[in-house]
Amino acid sequence: MTQDTTKVVAALETLLADTYTVYLKTHNYHWNVTGPMFTTLHTLFETQYTELALAVDEIAERIRALGAPAPGSYSRFVELASVKEDTGHPAAQDMIRNLADDMDTIADSARAVVRAGDAAGDDASTDLGVRRIDVHEKNAWMLRSHLEG
């Protein structure tokens, strides 16, 4: 593996860890949200964690396509992730804020994939990163829309 490919894999590993961590956090919030926005948030969180579940597979498969093993344990994800898990059960408004901030963080991780992919001439990884930026920026906007009022 070239040095440039190693950098792409490292960026993809962080993106994978961030995505999986937010997948789990979103699932936790889906199960535990309460309050007047219950139905809306329960449904929104389900939509977002379902998309995240598909994304982790795509990201892991890209790592494998580059010839590296994909990380796949909670302990490794904790080491790699920029976002942190939430073991509590915050209020609905805090759930929204937490996830919106996490979406921004994942978009930043995806930008690192784009930079590494561009430097390596790896169009497939660059494309994956660009698509993930789009998803996470949209998700952050959708979440923050629930805080306006």
N, C-alpha and C. Protein backbone atom coordinates (compact mmCIF):
# COMPACT_ATOMS: atom_id res chain seq x y z
N MET A 1 0.86 -1.17 0.00
CA MET A 1 0.00 0.00 0.00
C MET A 1 0.90 1.24 0.00
N THR A 2 0.60 2.20 -0.87
CA THR A 2 1.39 3.42 -0.94
C THR A 2 1.10 4.30 0.27
N GLN A 3 1.96 5.29 0.48
CA GLN A 3 1.77 6.22 1.59
C GLN A 3 0.47 7.01 1.39
N ASP A 4 0.17 7.39 0.15
CA ASP A 4 -1.07 8.11 -0.11
C ASP A 4 -2.30 7.24 0.18
N THR A 5 -2.23 5.97 -0.20
CA THR A 5 -3.35 5.06 0.07
C THR A 5 -3.52 4.86 1.57
N THR A 6 -2.42 4.78 2.29
CA THR A 6 -2.48 4.65 3.75
C THR A 6 -3.19 5.84 4.37
N LYS A 7 -2.98 7.04 3.83
CA LYS A 7 -3.66 8.23 4.34
C LYS A 7 -5.15 8.19 4.02
N VAL A 8 -5.49 7.68 2.84
CA VAL A 8 -6.90 7.54 2.49
C VAL A 8 -7.58 6.56 3.44
N VAL A 9 -6.93 5.43 3.67
CA VAL A 9 -7.49 4.43 4.58
C VAL A 9 -7.67 5.01 5.98
N ALA A 10 -6.69 5.75 6.47
CA ALA A 10 -6.80 6.35 7.80
C ALA A 10 -7.99 7.30 7.88
N ALA A 11 -8.18 8.11 6.84
CA ALA A 11 -9.32 9.03 6.82
C ALA A 11 -10.64 8.26 6.75
N LEU A 12 -10.67 7.20 5.95
CA LEU A 12 -11.88 6.37 5.86
C LEU A 12 -12.17 5.68 7.19
N GLU A 13 -11.14 5.25 7.90
CA GLU A 13 -11.35 4.60 9.20
C GLU A 13 -12.00 5.56 10.18
N THR A 14 -11.56 6.81 10.19
CA THR A 14 -12.17 7.81 11.07
C THR A 14 -13.62 8.06 10.66
N LEU A 15 -13.84 8.17 9.34
CA LEU A 15 -15.20 8.36 8.85
C LEU A 15 -16.10 7.18 9.25
N LEU A 16 -15.58 5.97 9.14
CA LEU A 16 -16.33 4.79 9.53
C LEU A 16 -16.65 4.82 11.03
N ALA A 17 -15.66 5.11 11.84
CA ALA A 17 -15.86 5.14 13.29
C ALA A 17 -16.85 6.23 13.69
N ASP A 18 -16.74 7.40 13.10
CA ASP A 18 -17.68 8.48 13.39
C ASP A 18 -19.09 8.09 12.97
N THR A 19 -19.21 7.51 11.79
CA THR A 19 -20.52 7.13 11.28
C THR A 19 -21.16 6.07 12.14
N TYR A 20 -20.38 5.07 12.54
CA TYR A 20 -20.93 4.00 13.38
C TYR A 20 -21.32 4.53 14.76
N THR A 21 -20.50 5.39 15.31
CA THR A 21 -20.80 5.95 16.63
C THR A 21 -22.09 6.76 16.60
N VAL A 22 -22.27 7.55 15.54
CA VAL A 22 -23.50 8.35 15.44
C VAL A 22 -24.69 7.45 15.09
N TYR A 23 -24.45 6.39 14.33
CA TYR A 23 -25.52 5.41 14.09
C TYR A 23 -26.04 4.88 15.43
N LEU A 24 -25.13 4.46 16.30
CA LEU A 24 -25.52 3.91 17.59
C LEU A 24 -26.20 4.97 18.46
N LYS A 25 -25.65 6.18 18.46
CA LYS A 25 -26.23 7.26 19.25
C LYS A 25 -27.64 7.58 18.75
N THR A 26 -27.82 7.64 17.44
CA THR A 26 -29.12 7.94 16.86
C THR A 26 -30.13 6.84 17.20
N HIS A 27 -29.67 5.60 17.17
CA HIS A 27 -30.55 4.49 17.54
C HIS A 27 -30.96 4.60 19.01
N ASN A 28 -30.02 4.93 19.87
CA ASN A 28 -30.29 5.14 21.29
C ASN A 28 -31.35 6.23 21.46
N TYR A 29 -31.17 7.34 20.76
CA TYR A 29 -32.13 8.44 20.87
C TYR A 29 -33.49 8.03 20.33
N HIS A 30 -33.52 7.29 19.26
CA HIS A 30 -34.78 6.79 18.68
C HIS A 30 -35.55 5.99 19.72
N TRP A 31 -34.85 5.13 20.42
CA TRP A 31 -35.50 4.28 21.43
C TRP A 31 -35.97 5.08 22.64
N ASN A 32 -35.26 6.14 22.97
CA ASN A 32 -35.47 6.80 24.27
C ASN A 32 -36.03 8.21 24.22
N VAL A 33 -36.32 8.73 23.04
CA VAL A 33 -36.86 10.08 22.96
C VAL A 33 -38.25 10.13 23.61
N THR A 34 -38.54 11.22 24.28
CA THR A 34 -39.85 11.44 24.88
C THR A 34 -40.24 12.90 24.67
N GLY A 35 -41.48 13.21 24.97
CA GLY A 35 -41.93 14.60 24.93
C GLY A 35 -42.84 14.88 23.76
N PRO A 36 -43.20 16.15 23.61
CA PRO A 36 -44.19 16.54 22.61
C PRO A 36 -43.76 16.27 21.16
N MET A 37 -42.46 16.17 20.91
CA MET A 37 -41.98 15.90 19.55
C MET A 37 -41.68 14.42 19.34
N PHE A 38 -42.21 13.57 20.22
CA PHE A 38 -41.86 12.15 20.17
C PHE A 38 -42.03 11.55 18.78
N THR A 39 -43.21 11.63 18.21
CA THR A 39 -43.47 10.95 16.94
C THR A 39 -42.57 11.48 15.83
N THR A 40 -42.45 12.78 15.75
CA THR A 40 -41.61 13.40 14.72
C THR A 40 -40.15 12.96 14.86
N LEU A 41 -39.62 13.05 16.07
CA LEU A 41 -38.21 12.71 16.28
C LEU A 41 -37.97 11.21 16.18
N HIS A 42 -38.88 10.43 16.71
CA HIS A 42 -38.76 8.97 16.61
C HIS A 42 -38.62 8.56 15.14
N THR A 43 -39.44 9.15 14.29
CA THR A 43 -39.41 8.85 12.86
C THR A 43 -38.15 9.41 12.19
N LEU A 44 -37.80 10.65 12.51
CA LEU A 44 -36.59 11.26 11.93
C LEU A 44 -35.35 10.47 12.32
N PHE A 45 -35.23 10.11 13.59
CA PHE A 45 -34.07 9.36 14.03
C PHE A 45 -33.98 8.01 13.32
N GLU A 46 -35.12 7.36 13.13
CA GLU A 46 -35.12 6.08 12.42
C GLU A 46 -34.64 6.26 10.98
N THR A 47 -35.11 7.28 10.32
CA THR A 47 -34.68 7.56 8.94
C THR A 47 -33.16 7.77 8.90
N GLN A 48 -32.66 8.54 9.86
CA GLN A 48 -31.23 8.85 9.85
C GLN A 48 -30.38 7.64 10.24
N TYR A 49 -30.79 6.86 11.24
CA TYR A 49 -29.95 5.71 11.59
C TYR A 49 -29.99 4.64 10.51
N THR A 50 -31.09 4.53 9.78
CA THR A 50 -31.16 3.57 8.68
C THR A 50 -30.17 3.95 7.58
N GLU A 51 -30.11 5.23 7.27
CA GLU A 51 -29.15 5.70 6.26
C GLU A 51 -27.72 5.48 6.74
N LEU A 52 -27.47 5.75 8.01
CA LEU A 52 -26.13 5.56 8.58
C LEU A 52 -25.72 4.09 8.53
N ALA A 53 -26.66 3.19 8.76
CA ALA A 53 -26.35 1.75 8.72
C ALA A 53 -25.87 1.35 7.32
N LEU A 54 -26.50 1.89 6.31
CA LEU A 54 -26.06 1.60 4.94
C LEU A 54 -24.70 2.23 4.67
N ALA A 55 -24.47 3.41 5.22
CA ALA A 55 -23.21 4.12 4.99
C ALA A 55 -22.02 3.37 5.58
N VAL A 56 -22.18 2.81 6.78
CA VAL A 56 -21.03 2.12 7.38
C VAL A 56 -20.58 0.96 6.51
N ASP A 57 -21.51 0.29 5.89
CA ASP A 57 -21.15 -0.82 5.00
C ASP A 57 -20.38 -0.32 3.79
N GLU A 58 -20.86 0.76 3.20
CA GLU A 58 -20.17 1.31 2.02
C GLU A 58 -18.76 1.78 2.37
N ILE A 59 -18.61 2.44 3.50
CA ILE A 59 -17.30 2.94 3.91
C ILE A 59 -16.35 1.77 4.20
N ALA A 60 -16.83 0.78 4.94
CA ALA A 60 -16.00 -0.39 5.25
C ALA A 60 -15.58 -1.12 3.98
N GLU A 61 -16.50 -1.25 3.04
CA GLU A 61 -16.16 -1.93 1.78
C GLU A 61 -15.14 -1.15 0.97
N ARG A 62 -15.17 0.19 1.07
CA ARG A 62 -14.15 0.99 0.37
C ARG A 62 -12.78 0.73 1.00
N ILE A 63 -12.73 0.65 2.31
CA ILE A 63 -11.47 0.34 2.99
C ILE A 63 -10.94 -1.01 2.51
N ARG A 64 -11.82 -1.99 2.42
CA ARG A 64 -11.43 -3.33 1.96
C ARG A 64 -10.95 -3.28 0.51
N ALA A 65 -11.62 -2.49 -0.32
CA ALA A 65 -11.24 -2.38 -1.73
C ALA A 65 -9.83 -1.79 -1.87
N LEU A 66 -9.42 -1.01 -0.89
CA LEU A 66 -8.07 -0.44 -0.90
C LEU A 66 -7.04 -1.41 -0.32
N GLY A 67 -7.48 -2.58 0.10
CA GLY A 67 -6.56 -3.61 0.56
C GLY A 67 -6.28 -3.61 2.05
N ALA A 68 -7.04 -2.86 2.81
CA ALA A 68 -6.83 -2.80 4.26
C ALA A 68 -8.00 -3.48 4.97
N PRO A 69 -7.76 -3.99 6.17
CA PRO A 69 -8.88 -4.52 6.95
C PRO A 69 -9.70 -3.36 7.51
N ALA A 70 -11.01 -3.52 7.53
CA ALA A 70 -11.89 -2.50 8.10
C ALA A 70 -11.99 -2.71 9.61
N PRO A 71 -11.85 -1.63 10.38
CA PRO A 71 -12.04 -1.78 11.83
C PRO A 71 -13.49 -2.18 12.09
N GLY A 72 -13.71 -2.98 13.13
CA GLY A 72 -15.06 -3.46 13.37
C GLY A 72 -15.36 -3.78 14.81
N SER A 73 -14.73 -3.07 15.74
CA SER A 73 -15.04 -3.31 17.15
C SER A 73 -15.33 -1.98 17.84
N TYR A 74 -16.11 -2.05 18.90
CA TYR A 74 -16.42 -0.84 19.66
C TYR A 74 -15.14 -0.18 20.17
N SER A 75 -14.22 -0.99 20.68
CA SER A 75 -13.00 -0.41 21.23
C SER A 75 -12.19 0.31 20.16
N ARG A 76 -12.13 -0.25 18.97
CA ARG A 76 -11.39 0.41 17.88
C ARG A 76 -12.12 1.67 17.42
N PHE A 77 -13.44 1.62 17.36
CA PHE A 77 -14.20 2.81 16.97
C PHE A 77 -14.00 3.93 17.99
N VAL A 78 -13.95 3.60 19.27
CA VAL A 78 -13.71 4.61 20.30
C VAL A 78 -12.35 5.27 20.08
N GLU A 79 -11.35 4.49 19.72
CA GLU A 79 -10.01 5.03 19.45
C GLU A 79 -10.01 5.95 18.23
N LEU A 80 -10.76 5.60 17.21
CA LEU A 80 -10.72 6.30 15.93
C LEU A 80 -11.69 7.48 15.83
N ALA A 81 -12.79 7.43 16.53
CA ALA A 81 -13.88 8.39 16.32
C ALA A 81 -13.55 9.79 16.83
N SER A 82 -14.02 10.77 16.07
CA SER A 82 -13.97 12.17 16.50
C SER A 82 -15.17 12.50 17.37
N VAL A 83 -16.28 11.81 17.15
CA VAL A 83 -17.49 12.01 17.95
C VAL A 83 -17.47 11.04 19.13
N LYS A 84 -18.19 11.40 20.14
CA LYS A 84 -18.23 10.57 21.34
C LYS A 84 -19.62 9.98 21.51
N GLU A 85 -19.67 8.78 22.05
CA GLU A 85 -20.95 8.14 22.31
C GLU A 85 -21.68 8.87 23.43
N ASP A 86 -22.95 8.60 23.56
CA ASP A 86 -23.76 9.18 24.62
C ASP A 86 -24.40 8.01 25.36
N THR A 87 -24.00 7.81 26.60
CA THR A 87 -24.53 6.70 27.38
C THR A 87 -25.76 7.10 28.19
N GLY A 88 -26.10 8.38 28.14
CA GLY A 88 -27.26 8.86 28.90
C GLY A 88 -28.50 8.95 28.04
N HIS A 89 -29.49 9.62 28.59
CA HIS A 89 -30.78 9.81 27.92
C HIS A 89 -31.16 11.29 28.04
N PRO A 90 -30.54 12.14 27.20
CA PRO A 90 -30.81 13.57 27.29
C PRO A 90 -32.23 13.93 26.85
N ALA A 91 -32.62 15.13 27.16
CA ALA A 91 -33.91 15.66 26.71
C ALA A 91 -33.90 15.76 25.18
N ALA A 92 -35.08 15.75 24.60
CA ALA A 92 -35.22 15.74 23.14
C ALA A 92 -34.44 16.88 22.48
N GLN A 93 -34.54 18.09 23.01
CA GLN A 93 -33.82 19.23 22.42
C GLN A 93 -32.31 18.99 22.44
N ASP A 94 -31.80 18.40 23.50
CA ASP A 94 -30.37 18.10 23.59
C ASP A 94 -29.98 16.99 22.62
N MET A 95 -30.86 16.02 22.44
CA MET A 95 -30.61 14.98 21.44
C MET A 95 -30.42 15.62 20.07
N ILE A 96 -31.31 16.54 19.73
CA ILE A 96 -31.25 17.20 18.43
C ILE A 96 -29.92 17.96 18.28
N ARG A 97 -29.58 18.75 19.29
CA ARG A 97 -28.33 19.52 19.25
C ARG A 97 -27.12 18.59 19.13
N ASN A 98 -27.11 17.53 19.93
CA ASN A 98 -25.99 16.59 19.89
C ASN A 98 -25.82 15.99 18.50
N LEU A 99 -26.92 15.52 17.93
CA LEU A 99 -26.84 14.88 16.61
C LEU A 99 -26.48 15.88 15.52
N ALA A 100 -27.00 17.10 15.60
CA ALA A 100 -26.64 18.11 14.60
C ALA A 100 -25.14 18.41 14.66
N ASP A 101 -24.61 18.55 15.87
CA ASP A 101 -23.16 18.77 16.01
C ASP A 101 -22.38 17.57 15.49
N ASP A 102 -22.87 16.37 15.76
CA ASP A 102 -22.20 15.16 15.27
C ASP A 102 -22.21 15.10 13.74
N MET A 103 -23.30 15.54 13.14
CA MET A 103 -23.37 15.55 11.67
C MET A 103 -22.31 16.49 11.10
N ASP A 104 -22.10 17.62 11.77
CA ASP A 104 -21.03 18.54 11.35
C ASP A 104 -19.66 17.88 11.46
N THR A 105 -19.47 17.14 12.54
CA THR A 105 -18.18 16.45 12.74
C THR A 105 -17.97 15.38 11.67
N ILE A 106 -19.01 14.62 11.36
CA ILE A 106 -18.87 13.60 10.32
C ILE A 106 -18.60 14.25 8.97
N ALA A 107 -19.25 15.37 8.69
CA ALA A 107 -18.97 16.08 7.43
C ALA A 107 -17.51 16.49 7.37
N ASP A 108 -16.95 16.92 8.50
CA ASP A 108 -15.52 17.25 8.53
C ASP A 108 -14.66 16.01 8.29
N SER A 109 -15.04 14.88 8.85
CA SER A 109 -14.31 13.63 8.60
C SER A 109 -14.39 13.26 7.12
N ALA A 110 -15.54 13.48 6.51
CA ALA A 110 -15.69 13.20 5.09
C ALA A 110 -14.84 14.14 4.25
N ARG A 111 -14.69 15.38 4.69
CA ARG A 111 -13.80 16.33 3.99
C ARG A 111 -12.35 15.84 4.02
N ALA A 112 -11.97 15.22 5.14
CA ALA A 112 -10.61 14.66 5.22
C ALA A 112 -10.45 13.52 4.22
N VAL A 113 -11.49 12.74 4.00
CA VAL A 113 -11.45 11.68 2.99
C VAL A 113 -11.29 12.30 1.60
N VAL A 114 -12.03 13.37 1.34
CA VAL A 114 -11.92 14.05 0.04
C VAL A 114 -10.49 14.54 -0.18
N ARG A 115 -9.92 15.20 0.81
CA ARG A 115 -8.54 15.72 0.67
C ARG A 115 -7.55 14.59 0.43
N ALA A 116 -7.68 13.51 1.22
CA ALA A 116 -6.75 12.38 1.06
C ALA A 116 -6.97 11.69 -0.29
N GLY A 117 -8.22 11.53 -0.68
CA GLY A 117 -8.52 10.91 -1.97
C GLY A 117 -7.99 11.73 -3.13
N ASP A 118 -8.16 13.05 -3.06
CA ASP A 118 -7.63 13.93 -4.10
C ASP A 118 -6.11 13.80 -4.20
N ALA A 119 -5.45 13.83 -3.04
CA ALA A 119 -3.98 13.74 -3.03
C ALA A 119 -3.49 12.41 -3.59
N ALA A 120 -4.27 11.36 -3.39
CA ALA A 120 -3.86 10.02 -3.86
C ALA A 120 -4.36 9.72 -5.27
N GLY A 121 -5.14 10.62 -5.85
CA GLY A 121 -5.74 10.33 -7.15
C GLY A 121 -6.78 9.22 -7.06
N ASP A 122 -7.41 9.10 -5.91
CA ASP A 122 -8.40 8.05 -5.64
C ASP A 122 -9.80 8.63 -5.80
N ASP A 123 -10.28 8.62 -7.03
CA ASP A 123 -11.57 9.24 -7.34
C ASP A 123 -12.72 8.58 -6.60
N ALA A 124 -12.67 7.28 -6.40
CA ALA A 124 -13.77 6.57 -5.73
C ALA A 124 -13.89 7.02 -4.28
N SER A 125 -12.77 7.13 -3.58
CA SER A 125 -12.83 7.59 -2.19
C SER A 125 -13.24 9.05 -2.11
N THR A 126 -12.74 9.86 -3.05
CA THR A 126 -13.14 11.27 -3.10
C THR A 126 -14.64 11.38 -3.29
N ASP A 127 -15.18 10.61 -4.22
CA ASP A 127 -16.62 10.63 -4.48
C ASP A 127 -17.41 10.20 -3.24
N LEU A 128 -16.97 9.15 -2.59
CA LEU A 128 -17.64 8.70 -1.37
C LEU A 128 -17.65 9.83 -0.34
N GLY A 129 -16.51 10.49 -0.16
CA GLY A 129 -16.43 11.60 0.79
C GLY A 129 -17.38 12.73 0.45
N VAL A 130 -17.44 13.10 -0.83
CA VAL A 130 -18.33 14.18 -1.26
C VAL A 130 -19.78 13.81 -0.99
N ARG A 131 -20.16 12.58 -1.30
CA ARG A 131 -21.54 12.15 -1.06
C ARG A 131 -21.87 12.17 0.43
N ARG A 132 -20.92 11.77 1.27
CA ARG A 132 -21.16 11.78 2.71
C ARG A 132 -21.28 13.22 3.24
N ILE A 133 -20.50 14.15 2.71
CA ILE A 133 -20.63 15.55 3.12
C ILE A 133 -22.05 16.02 2.86
N ASP A 134 -22.55 15.74 1.67
CA ASP A 134 -23.90 16.17 1.29
C ASP A 134 -24.94 15.62 2.26
N VAL A 135 -24.86 14.34 2.57
CA VAL A 135 -25.83 13.71 3.49
C VAL A 135 -25.77 14.35 4.87
N HIS A 136 -24.58 14.54 5.39
CA HIS A 136 -24.46 15.02 6.77
C HIS A 136 -24.80 16.50 6.90
N GLU A 137 -24.48 17.28 5.88
CA GLU A 137 -24.90 18.69 5.92
C GLU A 137 -26.43 18.79 5.87
N LYS A 138 -27.07 17.96 5.06
CA LYS A 138 -28.53 17.96 4.99
C LYS A 138 -29.13 17.48 6.32
N ASN A 139 -28.57 16.42 6.89
CA ASN A 139 -29.09 15.92 8.16
C ASN A 139 -28.95 16.97 9.27
N ALA A 140 -27.83 17.67 9.31
CA ALA A 140 -27.63 18.71 10.32
C ALA A 140 -28.68 19.81 10.16
N TRP A 141 -28.94 20.21 8.92
CA TRP A 141 -29.95 21.23 8.66
C TRP A 141 -31.33 20.74 9.12
N MET A 142 -31.67 19.51 8.77
CA MET A 142 -32.98 18.97 9.16
C MET A 142 -33.13 18.93 10.67
N LEU A 143 -32.09 18.52 11.36
CA LEU A 143 -32.15 18.46 12.82
C LEU A 143 -32.29 19.86 13.40
N ARG A 144 -31.46 20.79 12.93
CA ARG A 144 -31.51 22.16 13.49
C ARG A 144 -32.84 22.84 13.19
N SER A 145 -33.51 22.44 12.12
CA SER A 145 -34.83 23.02 11.81
C SER A 145 -35.82 22.76 12.93
N HIS A 146 -35.62 21.69 13.69
CA HIS A 146 -36.51 21.38 14.82
C HIS A 146 -36.25 22.28 16.03
N LEU A 147 -35.15 22.99 16.02
CA LEU A 147 -34.81 23.87 17.15
C LEU A 147 -35.28 25.31 16.93
N GLU A 148 -35.68 25.61 15.70
CA GLU A 148 -36.14 26.97 15.40
C GLU A 148 -37.55 27.17 15.93
N GLY A 149 -37.83 28.38 16.26
CA GLY A 149 -39.21 28.58 16.70
C GLY A 149 -39.47 29.84 17.31
